[in-house]
Protein backbone atom coordinates (compact mmCIF):
# COMPACT_ATOMS: atom_id res chain seq x y z
CA MET A 1 -17.59 -15.08 3.61
CA ASN A 2 -16.65 -18.11 5.60
CA LEU A 3 -13.66 -18.10 8.52
CA ILE A 4 -10.96 -20.00 6.52
CA HIS A 5 -11.61 -16.88 3.88
CA LEU A 6 -11.38 -14.53 6.98
CA LYS A 7 -8.25 -15.91 7.81
CA LYS A 8 -6.32 -15.85 4.63
CA ILE A 9 -7.04 -12.13 4.10
CA ALA A 10 -6.14 -11.46 8.25
CA ALA A 11 -2.79 -13.47 7.26
CA LYS A 12 -2.62 -10.88 3.81
CA VAL A 13 -2.96 -7.81 5.97
CA PHE A 14 -0.57 -8.75 8.48
CA LYS A 15 1.78 -9.29 5.63
CA PHE A 16 0.80 -5.98 4.12
CA GLY A 17 1.39 -4.17 7.10
CA LEU A 18 5.25 -5.81 7.55
CA VAL A 19 5.99 -5.00 3.94
CA GLY A 20 4.27 -1.33 4.76
CA LEU A 21 7.01 -1.15 7.88
CA LEU A 22 10.01 -2.25 5.83
CA GLY A 23 8.98 0.22 3.09
CA THR A 24 8.50 2.72 5.69
CA ALA A 25 12.60 2.15 7.37
CA ILE A 26 13.41 2.51 3.40
CA ASP A 27 11.77 6.01 2.75
CA PHE A 28 13.15 7.47 5.41
CA SER A 29 16.74 5.91 5.22
CA ILE A 30 16.60 7.12 1.75
CA THR A 31 15.36 10.28 2.16
CA PHE A 32 18.31 11.19 5.03
CA LEU A 33 20.63 9.92 2.91
CA VAL A 34 19.65 12.18 -0.01
CA LYS A 35 18.71 15.06 2.16
CA GLU A 36 21.73 14.76 4.66
CA VAL A 37 24.72 12.84 2.67
CA TRP A 38 24.18 14.23 -0.42
CA PHE A 39 22.93 17.52 0.15
CA GLN A 40 19.82 17.44 -1.78
CA ASN A 41 16.51 19.27 -1.60
CA LEU A 42 14.26 17.89 0.63
CA TYR A 43 11.81 17.68 -1.69
CA VAL A 44 13.77 15.79 -3.92
CA ALA A 45 15.03 13.49 -1.19
CA ASN A 46 11.48 12.62 -0.18
CA THR A 47 10.34 11.95 -3.67
CA ILE A 48 13.21 9.55 -4.27
CA GLY A 49 12.83 8.12 -0.83
CA PHE A 50 8.89 7.37 -1.56
CA PHE A 51 9.41 5.41 -4.93
CA VAL A 52 12.39 3.08 -3.70
CA ALA A 53 10.33 2.49 -1.16
CA ALA A 54 7.26 2.31 -3.00
CA SER A 55 9.15 -0.11 -5.55
CA ASN A 56 10.49 -2.26 -2.64
CA ASN A 57 6.94 -2.55 -1.65
CA PHE A 58 5.66 -3.78 -4.98
CA TYR A 59 8.20 -6.43 -5.55
CA LEU A 60 7.90 -8.03 -1.65
CA ASN A 61 3.86 -7.34 -2.11
CA SER A 62 3.43 -9.30 -5.21
CA SER A 63 5.64 -12.11 -4.33
CA TRP A 64 4.98 -12.29 -0.54
CA THR A 65 1.71 -10.72 0.45
CA PHE A 66 -0.29 -11.59 -2.54
CA GLY A 67 1.08 -14.82 -4.11
CA LYS A 68 3.47 -15.00 -6.66
CA ALA A 69 2.38 -12.92 -9.65
CA LYS A 70 1.93 -14.92 -12.83
CA LYS A 71 4.02 -12.18 -14.81
CA LEU A 72 5.40 -9.17 -12.97
CA SER A 73 4.81 -6.50 -15.66
CA PHE A 74 5.27 -2.79 -15.98
CA SER A 75 1.70 -2.06 -16.09
CA LEU A 76 1.08 -4.00 -12.71
CA TYR A 77 3.77 -1.69 -11.13
CA LEU A 78 2.20 1.37 -12.33
CA THR A 79 -1.05 0.25 -11.16
CA PHE A 80 0.76 -0.04 -7.90
CA ILE A 81 2.43 2.80 -7.80
CA GLY A 82 -0.57 4.23 -8.48
CA VAL A 83 -2.64 3.38 -5.94
CA SER A 84 0.20 4.61 -3.49
CA ALA A 85 0.59 7.90 -5.47
CA ILE A 86 -3.33 8.25 -4.46
CA GLY A 87 -2.92 7.34 -0.58
CA LEU A 88 0.14 9.54 -0.85
CA LEU A 89 -2.05 12.70 -1.64
CA PHE A 90 -5.37 11.14 0.81
CA HIS A 91 -2.76 11.04 3.45
CA SER A 92 -1.87 14.92 2.99
CA VAL A 93 -5.18 15.74 2.31
CA ILE A 94 -6.55 13.61 5.72
CA ILE A 95 -3.80 15.37 7.80
CA TYR A 96 -4.33 19.07 6.29
CA VAL A 97 -8.13 18.81 7.02
CA VAL A 98 -8.11 16.92 10.55
CA HIS A 99 -5.12 19.38 11.89
CA GLN A 100 -5.83 22.84 10.29
CA HIS A 101 -10.00 22.65 9.70
CA LEU A 102 -10.80 20.36 12.67
CA HIS A 103 -7.85 21.85 15.00
CA HIS A 104 -6.42 18.06 16.32
CA GLU A 105 -2.90 17.63 17.20
CA PHE A 106 -0.64 17.23 14.16
CA TYR A 107 0.61 13.76 15.08
CA LEU A 108 -3.03 12.32 16.39
CA SER A 109 -3.62 13.53 12.42
CA LYS A 110 -1.42 12.11 11.26
CA CYS A 111 -2.05 8.59 12.79
CA LEU A 112 -5.67 8.45 11.30
CA ALA A 113 -4.54 9.23 7.90
CA THR A 114 -2.00 6.38 8.50
CA VAL A 115 -4.23 3.96 9.33
CA LEU A 116 -7.58 5.06 7.12
CA VAL A 117 -4.61 5.26 4.08
CA PHE A 118 -3.34 1.81 4.91
CA LEU A 119 -7.20 0.89 4.49
CA TRP A 120 -7.30 2.94 1.34
CA ASN A 121 -3.58 0.98 -0.22
CA PHE A 122 -4.53 -2.88 1.07
CA GLY A 123 -8.43 -2.48 -0.37
CA ALA A 124 -7.17 -0.84 -3.86
CA ASN A 125 -4.05 -3.46 -4.22
CA TYR A 126 -6.18 -6.36 -3.48
CA PHE A 127 -9.30 -5.90 -5.39
CA VAL A 128 -7.28 -3.89 -8.46
CA THR A 129 -3.72 -4.22 -8.55
CA PHE A 130 -3.59 -8.30 -7.85
CA ARG A 131 -7.01 -8.91 -8.58
CA LYS A 132 -6.22 -11.90 -10.84
CA ASN A 133 -4.01 -13.23 -8.55
CA ASN A 134 -6.46 -13.29 -5.58
CA GLN A 135 -9.34 -14.73 -8.36
CA VAL A 136 -6.99 -17.51 -9.29
CA LYS A 137 -6.39 -18.30 -5.74
CA LEU A 138 -9.77 -18.22 -4.50
CA ALA A 139 -10.82 -19.76 -7.63
CA GLN A 140 -8.55 -23.09 -6.79
CA GLU A 141 -9.89 -23.25 -2.83
CA GLY A 142 -13.47 -23.30 -3.84
CA PHE A 143 -14.66 -19.99 -3.11
CA GLU A 144 -16.98 -18.08 -5.46
CA LEU A 145 -16.35 -14.88 -6.49
CA SER A 146 -19.39 -12.63 -6.00
CA ASP A 147 -19.82 -8.99 -7.20
CA GLN A 148 -19.64 -8.10 -3.66
CA ILE A 149 -16.08 -9.70 -3.05
CA MET A 150 -14.47 -8.87 -6.48
CA PRO A 151 -16.15 -5.98 -7.51
CA PHE A 152 -13.86 -4.95 -10.38
CA LYS A 153 -13.91 -8.32 -12.30
């Protein structure tokens, strides 16, 4: 892997992070609206906030972070939502283990979980959800795709 390829991946990581920050703001805003203004159950509000934010993140990541997908499909969307849902589960488990069993402060646990889940979400979306997009772009730039770089051909 050369320096140009690493810079392109770093740019994708940065864009993915910006999209994630916007998604977090959308999640919190929608959750607040549904819970506090429409007086819905907090779990219902949280679920709606999560899905609205994840749907927005799918659109932005497919069109901006990972480049234009040739075809946005429902199966691609479901893969992205699945990766996000697994990340949400990982987030909860990490917080539970670090806070409850390792006895670290809650917000420290949440920060650790957020960093680890960010890495999971980026990697899973790079190598699985948007795999074909990344393969085409790398091939056009003259990069060979080895099994070490793209293990899910």
